[in-house]
Amino acid sequence: MQSFLAALLHSAENAHFYRVHLDGGKRTAHLLMDEQAQQVVSATPEGEPTTEMRLSLQTGEMEPSSEGSDFERAPGGISREEFSRVAVHLRAQYLRTGSPPDKVAKHYA
């Protein structure tokens, strides 16, 4: 992954739905930040949470622990490694400001 842009699409109470553009928009994935459950999870394009990948907002750890290849992909085409990077940056902004970020972008060399 060379870059990502996570943009908030919709918020409803404590749930915040993000579209993630990977590699300059060549691929997209979706994440859901659930403040009540204190987690970021992979999601379908319709905003339904999936159980493939989950990161705790409290600890910053993947739950359950990521087993298998880092290149396993969720239905949206995001690997565990990519999910972890995006979710960690969303979590960091959330902890820094106390509210879900509107946008988080990162570029890697």
PDB file of N, CA and C in Angstrom:
ATOM      1  N   MET A   1       0.852  -1.174   0.000  1.00  0.00           N
ATOM      2  CA  MET A   1       0.000   0.000   0.000  1.00  0.00           C
ATOM      3  C   MET A   1       0.896   1.236   0.000  1.00  0.00           C
ATOM      4  N   GLN A   2       0.679   2.125  -0.935  1.00  0.00           N
ATOM      5  CA  GLN A   2       1.457   3.348  -1.019  1.00  0.00           C
ATOM      6  C   GLN A   2       0.778   4.531  -0.357  1.00  0.00           C
ATOM      7  N   SER A   3      -0.560   4.540  -0.327  1.00  0.00           N
ATOM      8  CA  SER A   3      -1.273   5.663   0.268  1.00  0.00           C
ATOM      9  C   SER A   3      -2.694   5.246   0.602  1.00  0.00           C
ATOM     10  N   PHE A   4      -3.311   6.053   1.475  1.00  0.00           N
ATOM     11  CA  PHE A   4      -4.735   5.876   1.721  1.00  0.00           C
ATOM     12  C   PHE A   4      -5.362   7.202   2.105  1.00  0.00           C
ATOM     13  N   LEU A   5      -6.639   7.305   1.842  1.00  0.00           N
ATOM     14  CA  LEU A   5      -7.463   8.428   2.269  1.00  0.00           C
ATOM     15  C   LEU A   5      -8.741   7.834   2.828  1.00  0.00           C
ATOM     16  N   ALA A   6      -8.973   8.027   4.109  1.00  0.00           N
ATOM     17  CA  ALA A   6     -10.205   7.574   4.756  1.00  0.00           C
ATOM     18  C   ALA A   6     -11.086   8.802   4.936  1.00  0.00           C
ATOM     19  N   ALA A   7     -12.264   8.772   4.330  1.00  0.00           N
ATOM     20  CA  ALA A   7     -13.182   9.910   4.383  1.00  0.00           C
ATOM     21  C   ALA A   7     -14.489   9.483   5.040  1.00  0.00           C
ATOM     22  N   LEU A   8     -14.940  10.269   6.008  1.00  0.00           N
ATOM     23  CA  LEU A   8     -16.198  10.009   6.687  1.00  0.00           C
ATOM     24  C   LEU A   8     -17.348  10.248   5.719  1.00  0.00           C
ATOM     25  N   LEU A   9     -18.182   9.220   5.538  1.00  0.00           N
ATOM     26  CA  LEU A   9     -19.333   9.334   4.655  1.00  0.00           C
ATOM     27  C   LEU A   9     -20.608   9.668   5.411  1.00  0.00           C
ATOM     28  N   HIS A  10     -20.735   9.065   6.607  1.00  0.00           N
ATOM     29  CA  HIS A  10     -21.995   9.195   7.323  1.00  0.00           C
ATOM     30  C   HIS A  10     -21.783   8.871   8.804  1.00  0.00           C
ATOM     31  N   SER A  11     -22.471   9.600   9.668  1.00  0.00           N
ATOM     32  CA  SER A  11     -22.479   9.313  11.099  1.00  0.00           C
ATOM     33  C   SER A  11     -23.910   9.198  11.574  1.00  0.00           C
ATOM     34  N   ALA A  12     -24.146   8.253  12.456  1.00  0.00           N
ATOM     35  CA  ALA A  12     -25.447   8.073  13.083  1.00  0.00           C
ATOM     36  C   ALA A  12     -25.188   7.706  14.542  1.00  0.00           C
ATOM     37  N   GLU A  13     -25.491   8.614  15.448  1.00  0.00           N
ATOM     38  CA  GLU A  13     -25.225   8.443  16.869  1.00  0.00           C
ATOM     39  C   GLU A  13     -23.762   8.103  17.092  1.00  0.00           C
ATOM     40  N   ASN A  14     -23.455   6.866  17.490  1.00  0.00           N
ATOM     41  CA  ASN A  14     -22.077   6.487  17.815  1.00  0.00           C
ATOM     42  C   ASN A  14     -21.391   5.664  16.732  1.00  0.00           C
ATOM     43  N   ALA A  15     -21.999   5.571  15.551  1.00  0.00           N
ATOM     44  CA  ALA A  15     -21.425   4.791  14.452  1.00  0.00           C
ATOM     45  C   ALA A  15     -21.019   5.729  13.316  1.00  0.00           C
ATOM     46  N   HIS A  16     -19.799   5.552  12.820  1.00  0.00           N
ATOM     47  CA  HIS A  16     -19.238   6.446  11.807  1.00  0.00           C
ATOM     48  C   HIS A  16     -18.684   5.599  10.657  1.00  0.00           C
ATOM     49  N   PHE A  17     -19.213   5.839   9.463  1.00  0.00           N
ATOM     50  CA  PHE A  17     -18.929   5.025   8.283  1.00  0.00           C
ATOM     51  C   PHE A  17     -17.923   5.739   7.385  1.00  0.00           C
ATOM     52  N   TYR A  18     -16.837   5.028   7.049  1.00  0.00           N
ATOM     53  CA  TYR A  18     -15.756   5.592   6.237  1.00  0.00           C
ATOM     54  C   TYR A  18     -15.580   4.823   4.934  1.00  0.00           C
ATOM     55  N   ARG A  19     -15.294   5.575   3.865  1.00  0.00           N
ATOM     56  CA  ARG A  19     -14.813   4.977   2.617  1.00  0.00           C
ATOM     57  C   ARG A  19     -13.311   5.223   2.600  1.00  0.00           C
ATOM     58  N   VAL A  20     -12.575   4.187   2.274  1.00  0.00           N
ATOM     59  CA  VAL A  20     -11.114   4.270   2.242  1.00  0.00           C
ATOM     60  C   VAL A  20     -10.658   4.078   0.800  1.00  0.00           C
ATOM     61  N   HIS A  21      -9.957   5.075   0.280  1.00  0.00           N
ATOM     62  CA  HIS A  21      -9.358   5.002  -1.053  1.00  0.00           C
ATOM     63  C   HIS A  21      -7.911   4.562  -0.853  1.00  0.00           C
ATOM     64  N   LEU A  22      -7.572   3.450  -1.469  1.00  0.00           N
ATOM     65  CA  LEU A  22      -6.227   2.889  -1.346  1.00  0.00           C
ATOM     66  C   LEU A  22      -5.471   3.090  -2.649  1.00  0.00           C
ATOM     67  N   ASP A  23      -4.178   3.290  -2.533  1.00  0.00           N
ATOM     68  CA  ASP A  23      -3.307   3.422  -3.709  1.00  0.00           C
ATOM     69  C   ASP A  23      -3.824   4.450  -4.704  1.00  0.00           C
ATOM     70  N   GLY A  24      -4.100   5.631  -4.221  1.00  0.00           N
ATOM     71  CA  GLY A  24      -4.528   6.719  -5.103  1.00  0.00           C
ATOM     72  C   GLY A  24      -5.910   6.519  -5.694  1.00  0.00           C
ATOM     73  N   GLY A  25      -6.739   5.733  -5.032  1.00  0.00           N
ATOM     74  CA  GLY A  25      -8.102   5.517  -5.507  1.00  0.00           C
ATOM     75  C   GLY A  25      -8.265   4.301  -6.395  1.00  0.00           C
ATOM     76  N   LYS A  26      -7.206   3.538  -6.588  1.00  0.00           N
ATOM     77  CA  LYS A  26      -7.298   2.340  -7.430  1.00  0.00           C
ATOM     78  C   LYS A  26      -8.186   1.274  -6.794  1.00  0.00           C
ATOM     79  N   ARG A  27      -8.215   1.253  -5.471  1.00  0.00           N
ATOM     80  CA  ARG A  27      -9.059   0.307  -4.728  1.00  0.00           C
ATOM     81  C   ARG A  27      -9.796   1.066  -3.629  1.00  0.00           C
ATOM     82  N   THR A  28     -10.944   0.545  -3.240  1.00  0.00           N
ATOM     83  CA  THR A  28     -11.676   1.128  -2.122  1.00  0.00           C
ATOM     84  C   THR A  28     -12.064   0.040  -1.135  1.00  0.00           C
ATOM     85  N   ALA A  29     -12.228   0.452   0.102  1.00  0.00           N
ATOM     86  CA  ALA A  29     -12.693  -0.424   1.175  1.00  0.00           C
ATOM     87  C   ALA A  29     -13.557   0.434   2.093  1.00  0.00           C
ATOM     88  N   HIS A  30     -14.210  -0.190   3.043  1.00  0.00           N
ATOM     89  CA  HIS A  30     -15.090   0.537   3.962  1.00  0.00           C
ATOM     90  C   HIS A  30     -14.835   0.084   5.391  1.00  0.00           C
ATOM     91  N   LEU A  31     -14.866   1.055   6.307  1.00  0.00           N
ATOM     92  CA  LEU A  31     -14.670   0.786   7.724  1.00  0.00           C
ATOM     93  C   LEU A  31     -15.774   1.465   8.511  1.00  0.00           C
ATOM     94  N   LEU A  32     -16.058   0.918   9.674  1.00  0.00           N
ATOM     95  CA  LEU A  32     -17.060   1.468  10.564  1.00  0.00           C
ATOM     96  C   LEU A  32     -16.428   1.667  11.928  1.00  0.00           C
ATOM     97  N   MET A  33     -16.463   2.901  12.444  1.00  0.00           N
ATOM     98  CA  MET A  33     -15.999   3.175  13.794  1.00  0.00           C
ATOM     99  C   MET A  33     -17.228   3.185  14.699  1.00  0.00           C
ATOM    100  N   ASP A  34     -17.226   2.294  15.669  1.00  0.00           N
ATOM    101  CA  ASP A  34     -18.344   2.168  16.596  1.00  0.00           C
ATOM    102  C   ASP A  34     -17.859   2.617  17.971  1.00  0.00           C
ATOM    103  N   GLU A  35     -18.257   3.831  18.360  1.00  0.00           N
ATOM    104  CA  GLU A  35     -17.809   4.370  19.647  1.00  0.00           C
ATOM    105  C   GLU A  35     -18.380   3.592  20.820  1.00  0.00           C
ATOM    106  N   GLN A  36     -19.605   3.129  20.706  1.00  0.00           N
ATOM    107  CA  GLN A  36     -20.235   2.397  21.797  1.00  0.00           C
ATOM    108  C   GLN A  36     -19.523   1.064  22.035  1.00  0.00           C
ATOM    109  N   ALA A  37     -19.227   0.332  20.967  1.00  0.00           N
ATOM    110  CA  ALA A  37     -18.525  -0.948  21.079  1.00  0.00           C
ATOM    111  C   ALA A  37     -17.014  -0.753  21.214  1.00  0.00           C
ATOM    112  N   GLN A  38     -16.538   0.501  21.049  1.00  0.00           N
ATOM    113  CA  GLN A  38     -15.119   0.829  21.151  1.00  0.00           C
ATOM    114  C   GLN A  38     -14.268   0.015  20.181  1.00  0.00           C
ATOM    115  N   GLN A  39     -14.676   0.051  18.880  1.00  0.00           N
ATOM    116  CA  GLN A  39     -13.916  -0.681  17.883  1.00  0.00           C
ATOM    117  C   GLN A  39     -14.064  -0.069  16.503  1.00  0.00           C
ATOM    118  N   VAL A  40     -13.098  -0.379  15.657  1.00  0.00           N
ATOM    119  CA  VAL A  40     -13.161  -0.091  14.227  1.00  0.00           C
ATOM    120  C   VAL A  40     -13.231  -1.448  13.556  1.00  0.00           C
ATOM    121  N   VAL A  41     -14.195  -1.633  12.660  1.00  0.00           N
ATOM    122  CA  VAL A  41     -14.370  -2.916  11.981  1.00  0.00           C
ATOM    123  C   VAL A  41     -14.427  -2.714  10.479  1.00  0.00           C
ATOM    124  N   SER A  42     -14.111  -3.764   9.743  1.00  0.00           N
ATOM    125  CA  SER A  42     -14.309  -3.725   8.303  1.00  0.00           C
ATOM    126  C   SER A  42     -15.810  -3.712   8.049  1.00  0.00           C
ATOM    127  N   ALA A  43     -16.210  -3.155   6.911  1.00  0.00           N
ATOM    128  CA  ALA A  43     -17.636  -3.032   6.604  1.00  0.00           C
ATOM    129  C   ALA A  43     -17.883  -3.264   5.120  1.00  0.00           C
ATOM    130  N   THR A  44     -19.140  -3.544   4.808  1.00  0.00           N
ATOM    131  CA  THR A  44     -19.552  -3.672   3.415  1.00  0.00           C
ATOM    132  C   THR A  44     -19.738  -2.271   2.844  1.00  0.00           C
ATOM    133  N   PRO A  45     -19.836  -2.145   1.531  1.00  0.00           N
ATOM    134  CA  PRO A  45     -20.099  -0.829   0.938  1.00  0.00           C
ATOM    135  C   PRO A  45     -21.428  -0.215   1.396  1.00  0.00           C
ATOM    136  N   GLU A  46     -22.331  -1.039   1.897  1.00  0.00           N
ATOM    137  CA  GLU A  46     -23.618  -0.546   2.395  1.00  0.00           C
ATOM    138  C   GLU A  46     -23.549  -0.107   3.847  1.00  0.00           C
ATOM    139  N   GLY A  47     -22.392  -0.280   4.490  1.00  0.00           N
ATOM    140  CA  GLY A  47     -22.218   0.160   5.869  1.00  0.00           C
ATOM    141  C   GLY A  47     -22.488  -0.897   6.916  1.00  0.00           C
ATOM    142  N   GLU A  48     -22.659  -2.142   6.492  1.00  0.00           N
ATOM    143  CA  GLU A  48     -22.881  -3.226   7.444  1.00  0.00           C
ATOM    144  C   GLU A  48     -21.541  -3.732   7.958  1.00  0.00           C
ATOM    145  N   PRO A  49     -21.371  -3.831   9.278  1.00  0.00           N
ATOM    146  CA  PRO A  49     -20.105  -4.332   9.813  1.00  0.00           C
ATOM    147  C   PRO A  49     -19.889  -5.795   9.441  1.00  0.00           C
ATOM    148  N   THR A  50     -18.628  -6.143   9.233  1.00  0.00           N
ATOM    149  CA  THR A  50     -18.253  -7.535   9.007  1.00  0.00           C
ATOM    150  C   THR A  50     -17.384  -7.971  10.174  1.00  0.00           C
ATOM    151  N   THR A  51     -17.117  -9.235  10.266  1.00  0.00           N
ATOM    152  CA  THR A  51     -16.316  -9.725  11.387  1.00  0.00           C
ATOM    153  C   THR A  51     -14.903 -10.091  10.978  1.00  0.00           C
ATOM    154  N   GLU A  52     -14.533  -9.803   9.720  1.00  0.00           N
ATOM    155  CA  GLU A  52     -13.214 -10.196   9.253  1.00  0.00           C
ATOM    156  C   GLU A  52     -12.084  -9.491  10.010  1.00  0.00           C
ATOM    157  N   MET A  53     -12.253  -8.198  10.242  1.00  0.00           N
ATOM    158  CA  MET A  53     -11.174  -7.432  10.870  1.00  0.00           C
ATOM    159  C   MET A  53     -11.763  -6.457  11.878  1.00  0.00           C
ATOM    160  N   ARG A  54     -11.057  -6.351  13.020  1.00  0.00           N
ATOM    161  CA  ARG A  54     -11.543  -5.484  14.088  1.00  0.00           C
ATOM    162  C   ARG A  54     -10.345  -4.951  14.873  1.00  0.00           C
ATOM    163  N   LEU A  55     -10.383  -3.666  15.200  1.00  0.00           N
ATOM    164  CA  LEU A  55      -9.330  -3.048  16.001  1.00  0.00           C
ATOM    165  C   LEU A  55      -9.991  -2.365  17.190  1.00  0.00           C
ATOM    166  N   SER A  56      -9.477  -2.607  18.375  1.00  0.00           N
ATOM    167  CA  SER A  56     -10.015  -2.018  19.593  1.00  0.00           C
ATOM    168  C   SER A  56      -9.618  -0.544  19.697  1.00  0.00           C
ATOM    169  N   LEU A  57     -10.600   0.324  19.956  1.00  0.00           N
ATOM    170  CA  LEU A  57     -10.283   1.735  20.192  1.00  0.00           C
ATOM    171  C   LEU A  57      -9.586   1.919  21.535  1.00  0.00           C
ATOM    172  N   GLN A  58      -9.830   1.014  22.461  1.00  0.00           N
ATOM    173  CA  GLN A  58      -9.222   1.119  23.787  1.00  0.00           C
ATOM    174  C   GLN A  58      -7.751   0.738  23.784  1.00  0.00           C
ATOM    175  N   THR A  59      -7.430  -0.397  23.156  1.00  0.00           N
ATOM    176  CA  THR A  59      -6.070  -0.920  23.236  1.00  0.00           C
ATOM    177  C   THR A  59      -5.243  -0.702  21.971  1.00  0.00           C
ATOM    178  N   GLY A  60      -5.910  -0.501  20.824  1.00  0.00           N
ATOM    179  CA  GLY A  60      -5.193  -0.377  19.564  1.00  0.00           C
ATOM    180  C   GLY A  60      -4.775  -1.709  18.983  1.00  0.00           C
ATOM    181  N   GLU A  61      -5.248  -2.798  19.572  1.00  0.00           N
ATOM    182  CA  GLU A  61      -4.882  -4.140  19.110  1.00  0.00           C
ATOM    183  C   GLU A  61      -5.945  -4.697  18.175  1.00  0.00           C
ATOM    184  N   MET A  62      -5.485  -5.530  17.238  1.00  0.00           N
ATOM    185  CA  MET A  62      -6.402  -6.258  16.374  1.00  0.00           C
ATOM    186  C   MET A  62      -7.068  -7.334  17.228  1.00  0.00           C
ATOM    187  N   GLU A  63      -8.377  -7.461  17.091  1.00  0.00           N
ATOM    188  CA  GLU A  63      -9.122  -8.474  17.839  1.00  0.00           C
ATOM    189  C   GLU A  63     -10.069  -9.187  16.899  1.00  0.00           C
ATOM    190  N   PRO A  64     -10.167 -10.489  16.881  1.00  0.00           N
ATOM    191  CA  PRO A  64      -9.185 -11.365  17.517  1.00  0.00           C
ATOM    192  C   PRO A  64      -7.842 -11.201  16.828  1.00  0.00           C
ATOM    193  N   SER A  65      -6.823 -11.753  17.439  1.00  0.00           N
ATOM    194  CA  SER A  65      -5.488 -11.562  16.873  1.00  0.00           C
ATOM    195  C   SER A  65      -5.472 -12.011  15.427  1.00  0.00           C
ATOM    196  N   SER A  66      -4.757 -11.279  14.624  1.00  0.00           N
ATOM    197  CA  SER A  66      -4.706 -11.602  13.193  1.00  0.00           C
ATOM    198  C   SER A  66      -3.840 -12.837  13.004  1.00  0.00           C
ATOM    199  N   GLU A  67      -4.472 -13.890  12.549  1.00  0.00           N
ATOM    200  CA  GLU A  67      -3.752 -15.121  12.260  1.00  0.00           C
ATOM    201  C   GLU A  67      -3.677 -15.293  10.760  1.00  0.00           C
ATOM    202  N   GLY A  68      -2.697 -16.013  10.298  1.00  0.00           N
ATOM    203  CA  GLY A  68      -2.585 -16.253   8.863  1.00  0.00           C
ATOM    204  C   GLY A  68      -1.822 -15.131   8.196  1.00  0.00           C
ATOM    205  N   SER A  69      -1.963 -15.070   6.909  1.00  0.00           N
ATOM    206  CA  SER A  69      -1.209 -14.134   6.087  1.00  0.00           C
ATOM    207  C   SER A  69      -1.665 -12.694   6.274  1.00  0.00           C
ATOM    208  N   ASP A  70      -0.716 -11.779   6.242  1.00  0.00           N
ATOM    209  CA  ASP A  70      -1.046 -10.354   6.263  1.00  0.00           C
ATOM    210  C   ASP A  70      -1.743  -9.945   4.977  1.00  0.00           C
ATOM    211  N   PHE A  71      -1.734 -10.812   3.990  1.00  0.00           N
ATOM    212  CA  PHE A  71      -2.325 -10.459   2.708  1.00  0.00           C
ATOM    213  C   PHE A  71      -3.705 -11.078   2.515  1.00  0.00           C
ATOM    214  N   GLU A  72      -4.267 -11.679   3.588  1.00  0.00           N
ATOM    215  CA  GLU A  72      -5.662 -12.100   3.518  1.00  0.00           C
ATOM    216  C   GLU A  72      -6.478 -10.848   3.275  1.00  0.00           C
ATOM    217  N   ARG A  73      -7.509 -10.965   2.455  1.00  0.00           N
ATOM    218  CA  ARG A  73      -8.275  -9.779   2.119  1.00  0.00           C
ATOM    219  C   ARG A  73      -9.735  -9.938   2.542  1.00  0.00           C
ATOM    220  N   ALA A  74     -10.276  -8.837   3.043  1.00  0.00           N
ATOM    221  CA  ALA A  74     -11.702  -8.776   3.347  1.00  0.00           C
ATOM    222  C   ALA A  74     -12.440  -8.610   2.028  1.00  0.00           C
ATOM    223  N   PRO A  75     -13.769  -8.729   2.044  1.00  0.00           N
ATOM    224  CA  PRO A  75     -14.528  -8.583   0.799  1.00  0.00           C
ATOM    225  C   PRO A  75     -14.233  -7.288   0.045  1.00  0.00           C
ATOM    226  N   GLY A  76     -13.881  -6.218   0.740  1.00  0.00           N
ATOM    227  CA  GLY A  76     -13.608  -4.957   0.078  1.00  0.00           C
ATOM    228  C   GLY A  76     -12.243  -4.877  -0.565  1.00  0.00           C
ATOM    229  N   GLY A  77     -11.398  -5.906  -0.389  1.00  0.00           N
ATOM    230  CA  GLY A  77     -10.095  -5.899  -1.014  1.00  0.00           C
ATOM    231  C   GLY A  77      -8.997  -5.297  -0.169  1.00  0.00           C
ATOM    232  N   ILE A  78      -9.248  -5.096   1.123  1.00  0.00           N
ATOM    233  CA  ILE A  78      -8.235  -4.529   2.000  1.00  0.00           C
ATOM    234  C   ILE A  78      -7.590  -5.668   2.792  1.00  0.00           C
ATOM    235  N   SER A  79      -6.265  -5.677   2.828  1.00  0.00           N
ATOM    236  CA  SER A  79      -5.561  -6.721   3.570  1.00  0.00           C
ATOM    237  C   SER A  79      -5.586  -6.390   5.055  1.00  0.00           C
ATOM    238  N   ARG A  80      -5.214  -7.378   5.872  1.00  0.00           N
ATOM    239  CA  ARG A  80      -5.151  -7.138   7.329  1.00  0.00           C
ATOM    240  C   ARG A  80      -4.144  -6.033   7.641  1.00  0.00           C
ATOM    241  N   GLU A  81      -3.023  -6.056   6.948  1.00  0.00           N
ATOM    242  CA  GLU A  81      -1.996  -5.033   7.174  1.00  0.00           C
ATOM    243  C   GLU A  81      -2.542  -3.642   6.826  1.00  0.00           C
ATOM    244  N   GLU A  82      -3.217  -3.535   5.691  1.00  0.00           N
ATOM    245  CA  GLU A  82      -3.787  -2.251   5.284  1.00  0.00           C
ATOM    246  C   GLU A  82      -4.879  -1.811   6.258  1.00  0.00           C
ATOM    247  N   PHE A  83      -5.751  -2.738   6.635  1.00  0.00           N
ATOM    248  CA  PHE A  83      -6.799  -2.423   7.598  1.00  0.00           C
ATOM    249  C   PHE A  83      -6.181  -1.888   8.891  1.00  0.00           C
ATOM    250  N   SER A  84      -5.157  -2.567   9.378  1.00  0.00           N
ATOM    251  CA  SER A  84      -4.511  -2.158  10.618  1.00  0.00           C
ATOM    252  C   SER A  84      -3.947  -0.742  10.508  1.00  0.00           C
ATOM    253  N   ARG A  85      -3.267  -0.438   9.409  1.00  0.00           N
ATOM    254  CA  ARG A  85      -2.701   0.907   9.233  1.00  0.00           C
ATOM    255  C   ARG A  85      -3.782   1.986   9.229  1.00  0.00           C
ATOM    256  N   VAL A  86      -4.852   1.749   8.483  1.00  0.00           N
ATOM    257  CA  VAL A  86      -5.920   2.743   8.395  1.00  0.00           C
ATOM    258  C   VAL A  86      -6.609   2.896   9.745  1.00  0.00           C
ATOM    259  N   ALA A  87      -6.963   1.770  10.361  1.00  0.00           N
ATOM    260  CA  ALA A  87      -7.684   1.811  11.639  1.00  0.00           C
ATOM    261  C   ALA A  87      -6.849   2.461  12.739  1.00  0.00           C
ATOM    262  N   VAL A  88      -5.548   2.191  12.754  1.00  0.00           N
ATOM    263  CA  VAL A  88      -4.665   2.797  13.765  1.00  0.00           C
ATOM    264  C   VAL A  88      -4.634   4.317  13.607  1.00  0.00           C
ATOM    265  N   HIS A  89      -4.594   4.800  12.371  1.00  0.00           N
ATOM    266  CA  HIS A  89      -4.575   6.247  12.146  1.00  0.00           C
ATOM    267  C   HIS A  89      -5.921   6.890  12.476  1.00  0.00           C
ATOM    268  N   LEU A  90      -7.021   6.204  12.176  1.00  0.00           N
ATOM    269  CA  LEU A  90      -8.340   6.706  12.595  1.00  0.00           C
ATOM    270  C   LEU A  90      -8.412   6.784  14.115  1.00  0.00           C
ATOM    271  N   ARG A  91      -7.947   5.731  14.773  1.00  0.00           N
ATOM    272  CA  ARG A  91      -7.951   5.689  16.239  1.00  0.00           C
ATOM    273  C   ARG A  91      -7.107   6.823  16.828  1.00  0.00           C
ATOM    274  N   ALA A  92      -5.926   7.048  16.268  1.00  0.00           N
ATOM    275  CA  ALA A  92      -5.041   8.100  16.777  1.00  0.00           C
ATOM    276  C   ALA A  92      -5.711   9.470  16.692  1.00  0.00           C
ATOM    277  N   GLN A  93      -6.336   9.772  15.567  1.00  0.00           N
ATOM    278  CA  GLN A  93      -7.035  11.062  15.422  1.00  0.00           C
ATOM    279  C   GLN A  93      -8.207  11.152  16.399  1.00  0.00           C
ATOM    280  N   TYR A  94      -8.929  10.052  16.547  1.00  0.00           N
ATOM    281  CA  TYR A  94     -10.062   9.998  17.472  1.00  0.00           C
ATOM    282  C   TYR A  94      -9.599  10.273  18.901  1.00  0.00           C
ATOM    283  N   LEU A  95      -8.503   9.636  19.321  1.00  0.00           N
ATOM    284  CA  LEU A  95      -7.985   9.847  20.675  1.00  0.00           C
ATOM    285  C   LEU A  95      -7.436  11.260  20.858  1.00  0.00           C
ATOM    286  N   ARG A  96      -6.857  11.822  19.815  1.00  0.00           N
ATOM    287  CA  ARG A  96      -6.270  13.160  19.892  1.00  0.00           C
ATOM    288  C   ARG A  96      -7.337  14.239  20.027  1.00  0.00           C
ATOM    289  N   THR A  97      -8.424  14.099  19.272  1.00  0.00           N
ATOM    290  CA  THR A  97      -9.440  15.160  19.236  1.00  0.00           C
ATOM    291  C   THR A  97     -10.681  14.861  20.068  1.00  0.00           C
ATOM    292  N   GLY A  98     -10.898  13.577  20.386  1.00  0.00           N
ATOM    293  CA  GLY A  98     -12.086  13.198  21.130  1.00  0.00           C
ATOM    294  C   GLY A  98     -13.323  13.018  20.270  1.00  0.00           C
ATOM    295  N   SER A  99     -13.149  13.109  18.953  1.00  0.00           N
ATOM    296  CA  SER A  99     -14.279  12.890  18.044  1.00  0.00           C
ATOM    297  C   SER A  99     -13.769  12.201  16.782  1.00  0.00           C
ATOM    298  N   PRO A 100     -14.667  11.514  16.075  1.00  0.00           N
ATOM    299  CA  PRO A 100     -14.258  10.827  14.854  1.00  0.00           C
ATOM    300  C   PRO A 100     -13.762  11.831  13.802  1.00  0.00           C
ATOM    301  N   PRO A 101     -12.622  11.556  13.181  1.00  0.00           N
ATOM    302  CA  PRO A 101     -12.104  12.484  12.173  1.00  0.00           C
ATOM    303  C   PRO A 101     -12.952  12.492  10.910  1.00  0.00           C
ATOM    304  N   ASP A 102     -13.003  13.613  10.246  1.00  0.00           N
ATOM    305  CA  ASP A 102     -13.687  13.708   8.953  1.00  0.00           C
ATOM    306  C   ASP A 102     -12.865  13.049   7.859  1.00  0.00           C
ATOM    307  N   LYS A 103     -11.537  13.131   8.006  1.00  0.00           N
ATOM    308  CA  LYS A 103     -10.644  12.640   6.952  1.00  0.00           C
ATOM    309  C   LYS A 103      -9.284  12.330   7.557  1.00  0.00           C
ATOM    310  N   VAL A 104      -8.684  11.245   7.085  1.00  0.00           N
ATOM    311  CA  VAL A 104      -7.307  10.907   7.457  1.00  0.00           C
ATOM    312  C   VAL A 104      -6.620  10.428   6.189  1.00  0.00           C
ATOM    313  N   ALA A 105      -5.473  11.013   5.893  1.00  0.00           N
ATOM    314  CA  ALA A 105      -4.708  10.628   4.706  1.00  0.00           C
ATOM    315  C   ALA A 105      -3.264  10.353   5.092  1.00  0.00           C
ATOM    316  N   LYS A 106      -2.678   9.344   4.472  1.00  0.00           N
ATOM    317  CA  LYS A 106      -1.266   9.016   4.681  1.00  0.00           C
ATOM    318  C   LYS A 106      -0.657   8.583   3.365  1.00  0.00           C
ATOM    319  N   HIS A 107       0.593   8.989   3.169  1.00  0.00           N
ATOM    320  CA  HIS A 107       1.358   8.600   1.984  1.00  0.00           C
ATOM    321  C   HIS A 107       2.650   7.967   2.472  1.00  0.00           C
ATOM    322  N   TYR A 108       2.968   6.811   1.926  1.00  0.00           N
ATOM    323  CA  TYR A 108       4.163   6.093   2.323  1.00  0.00           C
ATOM    324  C   TYR A 108       5.137   6.044   1.161  1.00  0.00           C
ATOM    325  N   ALA A 109       6.410   6.123   1.490  1.00  0.00           N
ATOM    326  CA  ALA A 109       7.453   6.069   0.451  1.00  0.00           C
ATOM    327  C   ALA A 109       7.829   4.652   0.147  1.00  0.00           C
TER     328      ALA A 109
END
